[in-house]
C-alpha atoms as a PDB file:
ATOM      1  CA  UNK A   1     -17.860  17.374  -1.083  1.00  0.00           C
ATOM      2  CA  UNK A   2     -19.958  15.510   1.395  1.00  0.00           C
ATOM      3  CA  UNK A   3     -18.438  14.757   4.841  1.00  0.00           C
ATOM      4  CA  UNK A   4     -17.317  10.817   3.779  1.00  0.00           C
ATOM      5  CA  UNK A   5     -15.535  12.834   0.667  1.00  0.00           C
ATOM      6  CA  UNK A   6     -14.364  15.307   2.943  1.00  0.00           C
ATOM      7  CA  UNK A   7     -12.580  13.062   5.401  1.00  0.00           C
ATOM      8  CA  UNK A   8     -10.993  10.925   2.808  1.00  0.00           C
ATOM      9  CA  UNK A   9      -9.309  14.212   0.942  1.00  0.00           C
ATOM     10  CA  UNK A  10      -8.425  15.133   4.126  1.00  0.00           C
ATOM     11  CA  UNK A  11      -6.549  12.132   4.933  1.00  0.00           C
ATOM     12  CA  UNK A  12      -5.082  11.717   1.716  1.00  0.00           C
ATOM     13  CA  UNK A  13      -3.897  15.258   2.252  1.00  0.00           C
ATOM     14  CA  UNK A  14      -2.224  15.010   5.192  1.00  0.00           C
ATOM     15  CA  UNK A  15      -0.997  11.705   4.013  1.00  0.00           C
ATOM     16  CA  UNK A  16       0.674  13.527   0.911  1.00  0.00           C
ATOM     17  CA  UNK A  17       1.534  17.081   2.179  1.00  0.00           C
ATOM     18  CA  UNK A  18       2.961  16.311   5.759  1.00  0.00           C
ATOM     19  CA  UNK A  19       3.906  12.545   5.910  1.00  0.00           C
ATOM     20  CA  UNK A  20       5.581  13.161   3.058  1.00  0.00           C
ATOM     21  CA  UNK A  21       4.105   9.607   1.665  1.00  0.00           C
ATOM     22  CA  UNK A  22       3.654   8.970  -2.672  1.00  0.00           C
ATOM     23  CA  UNK A  23       0.610   9.084  -4.108  1.00  0.00           C
ATOM     24  CA  UNK A  24       1.040   5.486  -4.938  1.00  0.00           C
ATOM     25  CA  UNK A  25       1.618   4.544  -1.621  1.00  0.00           C
ATOM     26  CA  UNK A  26      -1.707   6.351  -0.742  1.00  0.00           C
ATOM     27  CA  UNK A  27      -3.201   5.096  -3.293  1.00  0.00           C
ATOM     28  CA  UNK A  28      -2.259   1.084  -1.922  1.00  0.00           C
ATOM     29  CA  UNK A  29      -3.864   2.805   1.519  1.00  0.00           C
ATOM     30  CA  UNK A  30      -7.086   3.704   0.439  1.00  0.00           C
ATOM     31  CA  UNK A  31      -7.619   1.034  -2.136  1.00  0.00           C
ATOM     32  CA  UNK A  32      -8.277   3.843  -5.260  1.00  0.00           C
ATOM     33  CA  UNK A  33      -5.670   4.203  -8.366  1.00  0.00           C
ATOM     34  CA  UNK A  34      -2.717   7.050  -8.315  1.00  0.00           C
ATOM     35  CA  UNK A  35      -5.306   8.917 -10.574  1.00  0.00           C
ATOM     36  CA  UNK A  36      -8.126   8.948  -8.466  1.00  0.00           C
ATOM     37  CA  UNK A  37      -5.300   9.767  -5.062  1.00  0.00           C
ATOM     38  CA  UNK A  38      -4.226  13.444  -7.825  1.00  0.00           C
ATOM     39  CA  UNK A  39      -7.812  14.459  -8.492  1.00  0.00           C
ATOM     40  CA  UNK A  40      -8.058  14.449  -4.600  1.00  0.00           C
ATOM     41  CA  UNK A  41      -5.262  16.198  -3.688  1.00  0.00           C
ATOM     42  CA  UNK A  42      -6.344  18.835  -7.014  1.00  0.00           C
ATOM     43  CA  UNK A  43      -9.481  19.421  -5.561  1.00  0.00           C
ATOM     44  CA  UNK A  44      -8.324  19.483  -1.723  1.00  0.00           C
ATOM     45  CA  UNK A  45      -6.509  22.627  -3.042  1.00  0.00           C
ATOM     46  CA  UNK A  46      -9.170  23.612  -5.470  1.00  0.00           C
ATOM     47  CA  UNK A  47     -12.098  23.837  -2.119  1.00  0.00           C
ATOM     48  CA  UNK A  48     -10.016  25.559   0.661  1.00  0.00           C
ATOM     49  CA  UNK A  49      -8.990  21.893   2.462  1.00  0.00           C
ATOM     50  CA  UNK A  50      -5.183  22.505   1.881  1.00  0.00           C
ATOM     51  CA  UNK A  51      -3.598  25.858   1.750  1.00  0.00           C
ATOM     52  CA  UNK A  52      -0.214  25.957   0.639  1.00  0.00           C
ATOM     53  CA  UNK A  53       1.875  28.840   1.872  1.00  0.00           C
ATOM     54  CA  UNK A  54       5.616  30.045   0.888  1.00  0.00           C
ATOM     55  CA  UNK A  55       6.742  31.762   3.640  1.00  0.00           C
ATOM     56  CA  UNK A  56      10.435  33.305   3.792  1.00  0.00           C
ATOM     57  CA  UNK A  57      11.430  36.043   6.667  1.00  0.00           C
ATOM     58  CA  UNK A  58       9.603  39.274   6.530  1.00  0.00           C
ATOM     59  CA  UNK A  59      13.059  41.305   5.357  1.00  0.00           C
ATOM     60  CA  UNK A  60      13.247  39.518   2.494  1.00  0.00           C
ATOM     61  CA  UNK A  61      11.562  39.738  -0.828  1.00  0.00           C
ATOM     62  CA  UNK A  62      10.998  36.192  -2.550  1.00  0.00           C
ATOM     63  CA  UNK A  63       9.054  37.677  -5.728  1.00  0.00           C
ATOM     64  CA  UNK A  64      11.688  40.001  -6.493  1.00  0.00           C
ATOM     65  CA  UNK A  65      14.493  38.079  -6.104  1.00  0.00           C
ATOM     66  CA  UNK A  66      12.939  35.443  -8.131  1.00  0.00           C
ATOM     67  CA  UNK A  67      12.310  38.241 -10.889  1.00  0.00           C
ATOM     68  CA  UNK A  68      16.107  40.059 -10.917  1.00  0.00           C
ATOM     69  CA  UNK A  69      17.559  35.991 -11.450  1.00  0.00           C
ATOM     70  CA  UNK A  70      15.468  35.528 -14.324  1.00  0.00           C
ATOM     71  CA  UNK A  71      15.904  38.904 -15.645  1.00  0.00           C
ATOM     72  CA  UNK A  72      19.520  38.950 -15.762  1.00  0.00           C
ATOM     73  CA  UNK A  73      20.544  35.434 -15.358  1.00  0.00           C
ATOM     74  CA  UNK A  74      21.935  35.239 -11.772  1.00  0.00           C
ATOM     75  CA  UNK A  75      22.716  32.165 -10.279  1.00  0.00           C
ATOM     76  CA  UNK A  76      21.031  33.567  -6.751  1.00  0.00           C
ATOM     77  CA  UNK A  77      19.702  36.803  -5.931  1.00  0.00           C
ATOM     78  CA  UNK A  78      18.283  37.860  -2.178  1.00  0.00           C
ATOM     79  CA  UNK A  79      16.531  40.706  -2.459  1.00  0.00           C
ATOM     80  CA  UNK A  80      15.949  42.570   0.927  1.00  0.00           C
ATOM     81  CA  UNK A  81      13.392  44.805   2.097  1.00  0.00           C
ATOM     82  CA  UNK A  82      15.007  48.408   2.091  1.00  0.00           C
ATOM     83  CA  UNK A  83      14.782  49.848   5.722  1.00  0.00           C
ATOM     84  CA  UNK A  84      11.863  52.013   6.288  1.00  0.00           C
ATOM     85  CA  UNK A  85      13.845  55.187   7.324  1.00  0.00           C
ATOM     86  CA  UNK A  86      16.167  54.710   4.088  1.00  0.00           C
ATOM     87  CA  UNK A  87      17.237  57.597   2.205  1.00  0.00           C
ATOM     88  CA  UNK A  88      17.705  58.149  -1.524  1.00  0.00           C
ATOM     89  CA  UNK A  89      21.515  59.428  -0.504  1.00  0.00           C
ATOM     90  CA  UNK A  90      22.443  56.883   1.793  1.00  0.00           C
ATOM     91  CA  UNK A  91      25.016  53.918   1.846  1.00  0.00           C
ATOM     92  CA  UNK A  92      24.178  50.630   1.558  1.00  0.00           C
ATOM     93  CA  UNK A  93      22.062  49.240   4.264  1.00  0.00           C
ATOM     94  CA  UNK A  94      23.760  47.263   6.959  1.00  0.00           C
ATOM     95  CA  UNK A  95      21.380  44.048   6.579  1.00  0.00           C
ATOM     96  CA  UNK A  96      22.967  43.226   3.273  1.00  0.00           C
ATOM     97  CA  UNK A  97      26.055  42.271   5.080  1.00  0.00           C
ATOM     98  CA  UNK A  98      24.194  40.322   7.332  1.00  0.00           C
ATOM     99  CA  UNK A  99      21.828  38.457   4.480  1.00  0.00           C
ATOM    100  CA  UNK A 100      24.811  38.606   1.968  1.00  0.00           C
ATOM    101  CA  UNK A 101      27.018  36.750   5.678  1.00  0.00           C
ATOM    102  CA  UNK A 102      24.004  33.898   5.558  1.00  0.00           C
ATOM    103  CA  UNK A 103      24.881  33.372   1.879  1.00  0.00           C
ATOM    104  CA  UNK A 104      28.157  32.598   1.945  1.00  0.00           C
ATOM    105  CA  UNK A 105      27.733  30.803   4.644  1.00  0.00           C
ATOM    106  CA  UNK A 106      25.430  28.244   2.175  1.00  0.00           C
ATOM    107  CA  UNK A 107      27.878  28.656  -0.797  1.00  0.00           C
ATOM    108  CA  UNK A 108      31.827  28.037   0.586  1.00  0.00           C
ATOM    109  CA  UNK A 109      32.352  24.747   1.152  1.00  0.00           C
ATOM    110  CA  UNK A 110      35.165  22.969   2.390  1.00  0.00           C
ATOM    111  CA  UNK A 111      38.346  23.701   1.154  1.00  0.00           C
ATOM    112  CA  UNK A 112      37.486  26.922  -0.904  1.00  0.00           C
ATOM    113  CA  UNK A 113      39.442  30.149  -1.798  1.00  0.00           C
ATOM    114  CA  UNK A 114      37.241  33.013  -0.115  1.00  0.00           C
ATOM    115  CA  UNK A 115      38.317  35.985  -2.279  1.00  0.00           C
ATOM    116  CA  UNK A 116      36.891  39.387  -0.541  1.00  0.00           C
ATOM    117  CA  UNK A 117      37.733  42.861  -2.575  1.00  0.00           C
ATOM    118  CA  UNK A 118      37.047  46.425  -0.520  1.00  0.00           C
ATOM    119  CA  UNK A 119      34.297  47.829   0.309  1.00  0.00           C
ATOM    120  CA  UNK A 120      31.966  48.709   2.835  1.00  0.00           C
ATOM    121  CA  UNK A 121      29.082  46.438   1.845  1.00  0.00           C
ATOM    122  CA  UNK A 122      31.930  43.785   2.371  1.00  0.00           C
ATOM    123  CA  UNK A 123      33.921  44.865   5.624  1.00  0.00           C
ATOM    124  CA  UNK A 124      29.801  44.886   7.127  1.00  0.00           C
ATOM    125  CA  UNK A 125      29.872  41.317   5.560  1.00  0.00           C
ATOM    126  CA  UNK A 126      32.543  40.016   7.161  1.00  0.00           C
ATOM    127  CA  UNK A 127      31.924  41.166  10.754  1.00  0.00           C
ATOM    128  CA  UNK A 128      28.382  39.466  10.528  1.00  0.00           C
ATOM    129  CA  UNK A 129      29.804  36.001   9.477  1.00  0.00           C
ATOM    130  CA  UNK A 130      28.700  33.773  12.136  1.00  0.00           C
ATOM    131  CA  UNK A 131      30.527  30.136  10.710  1.00  0.00           C
ATOM    132  CA  UNK A 132      31.979  29.402   7.229  1.00  0.00           C
ATOM    133  CA  UNK A 133      34.275  26.316   6.499  1.00  0.00           C
ATOM    134  CA  UNK A 134      37.432  25.639   6.627  1.00  0.00           C
ATOM    135  CA  UNK A 135      38.654  28.209   3.928  1.00  0.00           C
ATOM    136  CA  UNK A 136      41.788  30.307   3.240  1.00  0.00           C
ATOM    137  CA  UNK A 137      40.507  34.080   2.671  1.00  0.00           C
ATOM    138  CA  UNK A 138      42.402  36.174   0.367  1.00  0.00           C
ATOM    139  CA  UNK A 139      42.405  40.034  -0.295  1.00  0.00           C
ATOM    140  CA  UNK A 140      41.738  40.623  -3.541  1.00  0.00           C
ATOM    141  CA  UNK A 141      42.211  44.993  -3.552  1.00  0.00           C
ATOM    142  CA  UNK A 142      44.443  46.977  -1.505  1.00  0.00           C
ATOM    143  CA  UNK A 143      43.013  49.032   1.030  1.00  0.00           C
ATOM    144  CA  UNK A 144      41.089  52.481   0.301  1.00  0.00           C
ATOM    145  CA  UNK A 145      43.144  54.536   3.060  1.00  0.00           C
ATOM    146  CA  UNK A 146      46.323  52.551   4.760  1.00  0.00           C
ATOM    147  CA  UNK A 147      45.538  54.484   7.965  1.00  0.00           C
ATOM    148  CA  UNK A 148      42.746  52.594   8.131  1.00  0.00           C
ATOM    149  CA  UNK A 149      43.467  48.900   7.116  1.00  0.00           C
ATOM    150  CA  UNK A 150      42.639  47.029  10.868  1.00  0.00           C
ATOM    151  CA  UNK A 151      39.415  48.675  10.793  1.00  0.00           C
ATOM    152  CA  UNK A 152      38.694  47.404   6.287  1.00  0.00           C
ATOM    153  CA  UNK A 153      39.503  45.178   4.356  1.00  0.00           C
ATOM    154  CA  UNK A 154      42.466  43.448   5.941  1.00  0.00           C
ATOM    155  CA  UNK A 155      40.168  43.399   9.025  1.00  0.00           C
ATOM    156  CA  UNK A 156      37.769  42.236   7.326  1.00  0.00           C
ATOM    157  CA  UNK A 157      39.564  39.162   5.582  1.00  0.00           C
ATOM    158  CA  UNK A 158      41.083  38.531   9.074  1.00  0.00           C
ATOM    159  CA  UNK A 159      37.715  38.025  10.508  1.00  0.00           C
ATOM    160  CA  UNK A 160      36.435  35.408   7.764  1.00  0.00           C
ATOM    161  CA  UNK A 161      39.772  33.685   8.320  1.00  0.00           C
ATOM    162  CA  UNK A 162      39.280  33.215  11.959  1.00  0.00           C
ATOM    163  CA  UNK A 163      35.381  32.362  11.233  1.00  0.00           C
ATOM    164  CA  UNK A 164      36.601  29.717   9.068  1.00  0.00           C
ATOM    165  CA  UNK A 165      39.539  28.840  10.614  1.00  0.00           C
ATOM    166  CA  UNK A 166      41.697  29.261   7.844  1.00  0.00           C
ATOM    167  CA  UNK A 167      44.729  31.029   6.359  1.00  0.00           C
ATOM    168  CA  UNK A 168      44.592  34.842   5.829  1.00  0.00           C
ATOM    169  CA  UNK A 169      46.004  36.133   3.044  1.00  0.00           C
ATOM    170  CA  UNK A 170      45.822  40.110   3.288  1.00  0.00           C
ATOM    171  CA  UNK A 171      47.169  42.866   1.353  1.00  0.00           C
ATOM    172  CA  UNK A 172      48.478  45.846   3.119  1.00  0.00           C
ATOM    173  CA  UNK A 173      49.100  48.398   0.206  1.00  0.00           C
ATOM    174  CA  UNK A 174      46.838  51.675  -0.653  1.00  0.00           C
ATOM    175  CA  UNK A 175      44.338  50.376  -3.561  1.00  0.00           C
ATOM    176  CA  UNK A 176      45.460  53.249  -5.782  1.00  0.00           C
ATOM    177  CA  UNK A 177      48.967  54.158  -6.265  1.00  0.00           C
ATOM    178  CA  UNK A 178      50.365  57.427  -7.410  1.00  0.00           C
ATOM    179  CA  UNK A 179      52.037  56.246 -11.273  1.00  0.00           C
ATOM    180  CA  UNK A 180      51.885  52.325 -13.163  1.00  0.00           C
ATOM    181  CA  UNK A 181      56.164  51.411 -11.726  1.00  0.00           C
ATOM    182  CA  UNK A 182      54.445  52.301  -8.193  1.00  0.00           C
ATOM    183  CA  UNK A 183      51.861  49.628  -8.128  1.00  0.00           C
ATOM    184  CA  UNK A 184      54.197  47.929 -10.361  1.00  0.00           C
ATOM    185  CA  UNK A 185      56.805  47.863  -7.522  1.00  0.00           C
ATOM    186  CA  UNK A 186      54.527  46.817  -5.222  1.00  0.00           C
ATOM    187  CA  UNK A 187      52.842  43.577  -6.386  1.00  0.00           C
ATOM    188  CA  UNK A 188      56.571  42.461  -6.440  1.00  0.00           C
ATOM    189  CA  UNK A 189      57.311  42.597  -2.628  1.00  0.00           C
ATOM    190  CA  UNK A 190      56.504  39.248  -0.968  1.00  0.00           C
ATOM    191  CA  UNK A 191      53.299  39.397   0.990  1.00  0.00           C
ATOM    192  CA  UNK A 192      51.061  41.185  -2.158  1.00  0.00           C
ATOM    193  CA  UNK A 193      52.636  39.233  -4.278  1.00  0.00           C
ATOM    194  CA  UNK A 194      51.619  36.080  -2.626  1.00  0.00           C
ATOM    195  CA  UNK A 195      48.429  37.277  -1.912  1.00  0.00           C
ATOM    196  CA  UNK A 196      48.428  37.615  -5.461  1.00  0.00           C
ATOM    197  CA  UNK A 197      49.337  33.760  -6.425  1.00  0.00           C
ATOM    198  CA  UNK A 198      45.602  33.226  -4.607  1.00  0.00           C
ATOM    199  CA  UNK A 199      43.767  35.027  -7.369  1.00  0.00           C
ATOM    200  CA  UNK A 200      43.718  32.245  -9.690  1.00  0.00           C
ATOM    201  CA  UNK A 201      42.619  29.625  -7.043  1.00  0.00           C
ATOM    202  CA  UNK A 202      39.764  31.615  -5.584  1.00  0.00           C
ATOM    203  CA  UNK A 203      36.532  29.715  -5.920  1.00  0.00           C
ATOM    204  CA  UNK A 204      33.979  32.490  -4.392  1.00  0.00           C
ATOM    205  CA  UNK A 205      34.710  35.760  -4.096  1.00  0.00           C
ATOM    206  CA  UNK A 206      32.417  39.299  -2.427  1.00  0.00           C
ATOM    207  CA  UNK A 207      32.196  42.542  -4.579  1.00  0.00           C
ATOM    208  CA  UNK A 208      31.370  45.999  -3.595  1.00  0.00           C
ATOM    209  CA  UNK A 209      29.857  48.038  -6.505  1.00  0.00           C
ATOM    210  CA  UNK A 210      29.554  52.121  -6.458  1.00  0.00           C
ATOM    211  CA  UNK A 211      28.075  54.292  -8.215  1.00  0.00           C
ATOM    212  CA  UNK A 212      30.715  57.055  -9.911  1.00  0.00           C
ATOM    213  CA  UNK A 213      29.845  59.513  -6.998  1.00  0.00           C
ATOM    214  CA  UNK A 214      31.070  61.201  -4.063  1.00  0.00           C
ATOM    215  CA  UNK A 215      31.149  59.250  -1.677  1.00  0.00           C
ATOM    216  CA  UNK A 216      29.661  56.279  -3.352  1.00  0.00           C
ATOM    217  CA  UNK A 217      32.519  55.284  -5.061  1.00  0.00           C
ATOM    218  CA  UNK A 218      35.968  54.649  -3.041  1.00  0.00           C
ATOM    219  CA  UNK A 219      37.822  55.009  -6.311  1.00  0.00           C
ATOM    220  CA  UNK A 220      35.674  58.317  -7.366  1.00  0.00           C
ATOM    221  CA  UNK A 221      36.929  59.661  -3.723  1.00  0.00           C
ATOM    222  CA  UNK A 222      40.603  58.730  -4.334  1.00  0.00           C
ATOM    223  CA  UNK A 223      40.753  60.442  -7.617  1.00  0.00           C
ATOM    224  CA  UNK A 224      41.948  64.576  -8.314  1.00  0.00           C
ATOM    225  CA  UNK A 225      39.090  66.805  -9.905  1.00  0.00           C
ATOM    226  CA  UNK A 226      40.585  66.759 -13.255  1.00  0.00           C
ATOM    227  CA  UNK A 227      41.220  62.602 -13.287  1.00  0.00           C
ATOM    228  CA  UNK A 228      37.275  62.300 -12.079  1.00  0.00           C
ATOM    229  CA  UNK A 229      36.700  65.137 -15.389  1.00  0.00           C
ATOM    230  CA  UNK A 230      38.818  62.517 -17.431  1.00  0.00           C
ATOM    231  CA  UNK A 231      36.998  59.432 -16.305  1.00  0.00           C
ATOM    232  CA  UNK A 232      33.525  60.677 -16.258  1.00  0.00           C
ATOM    233  CA  UNK A 233      33.969  62.070 -19.686  1.00  0.00           C
ATOM    234  CA  UNK A 234      34.438  58.658 -20.655  1.00  0.00           C
ATOM    235  CA  UNK A 235      31.307  57.340 -19.577  1.00  0.00           C
ATOM    236  CA  UNK A 236      31.574  56.148 -16.189  1.00  0.00           C
ATOM    237  CA  UNK A 237      28.865  54.977 -14.732  1.00  0.00           C
ATOM    238  CA  UNK A 238      30.179  52.431 -12.235  1.00  0.00           C
ATOM    239  CA  UNK A 239      32.532  50.789 -10.260  1.00  0.00           C
ATOM    240  CA  UNK A 240      33.790  47.575  -8.948  1.00  0.00           C
ATOM    241  CA  UNK A 241      37.240  46.744  -7.570  1.00  0.00           C
ATOM    242  CA  UNK A 242      38.918  49.967  -9.502  1.00  0.00           C
ATOM    243  CA  UNK A 243      37.536  48.792 -12.545  1.00  0.00           C
ATOM    244  CA  UNK A 244      34.827  51.108 -14.561  1.00  0.00           C
ATOM    245  CA  UNK A 245      32.296  50.136 -16.153  1.00  0.00           C
ATOM    246  CA  UNK A 246      29.926  52.039 -18.775  1.00  0.00           C
ATOM    247  CA  UNK A 247      26.227  51.530 -18.976  1.00  0.00           C
ATOM    248  CA  UNK A 248      26.540  48.987 -21.102  1.00  0.00           C
ATOM    249  CA  UNK A 249      29.062  46.951 -18.092  1.00  0.00           C
ATOM    250  CA  UNK A 250      32.018  47.353 -21.001  1.00  0.00           C
ATOM    251  CA  UNK A 251      34.993  47.972 -18.823  1.00  0.00           C
ATOM    252  CA  UNK A 252      36.730  51.610 -20.049  1.00  0.00           C
ATOM    253  CA  UNK A 253      39.405  53.906 -18.265  1.00  0.00           C
ATOM    254  CA  UNK A 254      41.429  50.788 -18.216  1.00  0.00           C
ATOM    255  CA  UNK A 255      44.956  53.080 -17.483  1.00  0.00           C
ATOM    256  CA  UNK A 256      43.450  52.945 -13.962  1.00  0.00           C
ATOM    257  CA  UNK A 257      43.919  49.562 -13.466  1.00  0.00           C
ATOM    258  CA  UNK A 258      47.567  49.878 -14.504  1.00  0.00           C
ATOM    259  CA  UNK A 259      47.665  51.814 -10.993  1.00  0.00           C
ATOM    260  CA  UNK A 260      45.957  49.799  -8.770  1.00  0.00           C
ATOM    261  CA  UNK A 261      46.433  46.577  -6.210  1.00  0.00           C
ATOM    262  CA  UNK A 262      43.751  45.076  -7.111  1.00  0.00           C
ATOM    263  CA  UNK A 263      42.202  41.945  -8.801  1.00  0.00           C
ATOM    264  CA  UNK A 264      42.363  42.041 -12.644  1.00  0.00           C
ATOM    265  CA  UNK A 265      38.925  41.693 -15.178  1.00  0.00           C
ATOM    266  CA  UNK A 266      39.108  38.393 -16.485  1.00  0.00           C
ATOM    267  CA  UNK A 267      40.440  36.837 -13.258  1.00  0.00           C
ATOM    268  CA  UNK A 268      37.245  37.695 -11.730  1.00  0.00           C
ATOM    269  CA  UNK A 269      35.543  36.368 -14.699  1.00  0.00           C
ATOM    270  CA  UNK A 270      36.991  32.919 -14.317  1.00  0.00           C
ATOM    271  CA  UNK A 271      36.414  33.131 -10.626  1.00  0.00           C
ATOM    272  CA  UNK A 272      33.267  29.785 -10.091  1.00  0.00           C
ATOM    273  CA  UNK A 273      30.691  32.121  -7.776  1.00  0.00           C
ATOM    274  CA  UNK A 274      31.011  36.096  -7.799  1.00  0.00           C
ATOM    275  CA  UNK A 275      29.077  37.659  -5.045  1.00  0.00           C
ATOM    276  CA  UNK A 276      28.420  41.557  -5.530  1.00  0.00           C
ATOM    277  CA  UNK A 277      26.690  43.157  -2.693  1.00  0.00           C
ATOM    278  CA  UNK A 278      25.259  46.782  -3.335  1.00  0.00           C
ATOM    279  CA  UNK A 279      21.777  48.028  -2.802  1.00  0.00           C
ATOM    280  CA  UNK A 280      20.006  51.806  -2.196  1.00  0.00           C
ATOM    281  CA  UNK A 281      18.403  53.841  -5.417  1.00  0.00           C
ATOM    282  CA  UNK A 282      21.259  55.681  -6.080  1.00  0.00           C
ATOM    283  CA  UNK A 283      23.082  53.023  -6.888  1.00  0.00           C
ATOM    284  CA  UNK A 284      20.814  51.044  -9.059  1.00  0.00           C
ATOM    285  CA  UNK A 285      22.170  52.252 -12.134  1.00  0.00           C
ATOM    286  CA  UNK A 286      25.682  51.179 -11.222  1.00  0.00           C
ATOM    287  CA  UNK A 287      24.085  47.476  -9.804  1.00  0.00           C
ATOM    288  CA  UNK A 288      22.946  46.926 -13.557  1.00  0.00           C
ATOM    289  CA  UNK A 289      25.941  48.461 -15.282  1.00  0.00           C
ATOM    290  CA  UNK A 290      27.939  45.524 -13.073  1.00  0.00           C
ATOM    291  CA  UNK A 291      25.738  42.975 -14.174  1.00  0.00           C
ATOM    292  CA  UNK A 292      25.734  43.307 -17.474  1.00  0.00           C
ATOM    293  CA  UNK A 293      29.430  43.081 -17.233  1.00  0.00           C
ATOM    294  CA  UNK A 294      29.343  39.368 -16.900  1.00  0.00           C
ATOM    295  CA  UNK A 295      31.698  39.463 -13.983  1.00  0.00           C
ATOM    296  CA  UNK A 296      28.891  38.307 -11.193  1.00  0.00           C
ATOM    297  CA  UNK A 297      27.061  35.728 -11.226  1.00  0.00           C
ATOM    298  CA  UNK A 298      24.699  36.440  -7.394  1.00  0.00           C
ATOM    299  CA  UNK A 299      23.470  39.254  -6.627  1.00  0.00           C
ATOM    300  CA  UNK A 300      22.411  40.320  -2.687  1.00  0.00           C
ATOM    301  CA  UNK A 301      20.071  43.803  -2.887  1.00  0.00           C
ATOM    302  CA  UNK A 302      17.773  45.994  -1.900  1.00  0.00           C
ATOM    303  CA  UNK A 303      13.902  46.563  -3.192  1.00  0.00           C
ATOM    304  CA  UNK A 304      14.887  49.978  -3.689  1.00  0.00           C
ATOM    305  CA  UNK A 305      17.509  49.113  -6.750  1.00  0.00           C
ATOM    306  CA  UNK A 306      15.434  45.844  -7.411  1.00  0.00           C
ATOM    307  CA  UNK A 307      12.472  48.166  -7.987  1.00  0.00           C
ATOM    308  CA  UNK A 308      14.533  50.019 -10.147  1.00  0.00           C
ATOM    309  CA  UNK A 309      16.723  47.071 -11.922  1.00  0.00           C
ATOM    310  CA  UNK A 310      13.166  45.420 -12.941  1.00  0.00           C
ATOM    311  CA  UNK A 311      11.485  48.482 -14.252  1.00  0.00           C
ATOM    312  CA  UNK A 312      14.562  48.389 -17.198  1.00  0.00           C
ATOM    313  CA  UNK A 313      13.092  47.455 -20.083  1.00  0.00           C
ATOM    314  CA  UNK A 314      14.189  43.980 -20.582  1.00  0.00           C
ATOM    315  CA  UNK A 315      17.656  43.010 -23.225  1.00  0.00           C
ATOM    316  CA  UNK A 316      18.077  39.783 -24.380  1.00  0.00           C
ATOM    317  CA  UNK A 317      21.457  38.321 -23.215  1.00  0.00           C
ATOM    318  CA  UNK A 318      21.910  36.799 -19.453  1.00  0.00           C
ATOM    319  CA  UNK A 319      25.547  37.833 -18.789  1.00  0.00           C
ATOM    320  CA  UNK A 320      25.877  36.678 -15.170  1.00  0.00           C
ATOM    321  CA  UNK A 321      24.418  33.627 -16.154  1.00  0.00           C
ATOM    322  CA  UNK A 322      26.754  33.054 -20.009  1.00  0.00           C
ATOM    323  CA  UNK A 323      29.731  35.277 -18.165  1.00  0.00           C
ATOM    324  CA  UNK A 324      30.271  36.957 -21.040  1.00  0.00           C
ATOM    325  CA  UNK A 325      32.395  40.317 -21.563  1.00  0.00           C
ATOM    326  CA  UNK A 326      30.529  42.802 -23.969  1.00  0.00           C
ATOM    327  CA  UNK A 327      33.358  44.132 -25.087  1.00  0.00           C
ATOM    328  CA  UNK A 328      34.188  41.117 -26.813  1.00  0.00           C
ATOM    329  CA  UNK A 329      30.533  40.823 -28.089  1.00  0.00           C
ATOM    330  CA  UNK A 330      30.460  44.396 -29.458  1.00  0.00           C
ATOM    331  CA  UNK A 331      33.989  43.468 -30.754  1.00  0.00           C
ATOM    332  CA  UNK A 332      32.577  40.244 -32.959  1.00  0.00           C
END
């Protein structure tokens, strides 16, 4: 382009990209057709007169996030850069909780009911919360250890409710009980029953994912060696909120749920937005299993887990989008 063309192209580009004017408005101003404006803007890009940059914070991975969202049909996928000092057997990076806190600030609206399940990442998320619209907060699972309730999921529920200025409905009971009759009796206690009544009203939930290994799954660590061996023999690959899944996302070991204080899987499936927070190479296979369950709609993870998930062979259905239950699909 000559000097006159360059100046005209620069002026049109300024109007379009910086001032937000339409091509028709620009055409009227310069006395040309809108098709001419379109050609000039296209040429300005080709000649490097205009550069378009899509910039996100350095710790977020836009391309991986979009690829992961498309692969599993997720509503939202946010991939965070794994810490440079991260090791394969580390727990979820704390920055996942910080990003998840920001995501909840976007997803939760005035009058929602927010559900929080036990997990280190959800506890980190609650600690990082800075603002939430007015909403009710309910605990979705019992606690890992009743002696640490005030430093765990109960405190996370209180913290979120304090930030939101809403009601808190904690559950003061262990997640895992010795038998189903004890669990059933506890579910009928006033405070716990009141929390359970809110489960069908939850509109946004935050959950954690564990792989079936020591230190990575809360439920795994709460069971006896014989019980762990039994569930391992069934092919358990992942645990979420005391529900066990095989590699295809099918629920197994359902008898365990009868002994647990936790939201039922089908109630989770009816919650409009379920955000899972989990990362690390060691949890990657477990994250994939839970995504295939159709119980989760959104994911906050890190590059280590995302790379593993994206390297897997592409499968047909997109369970997170369709909320399909792989058990019912297999039956049909």
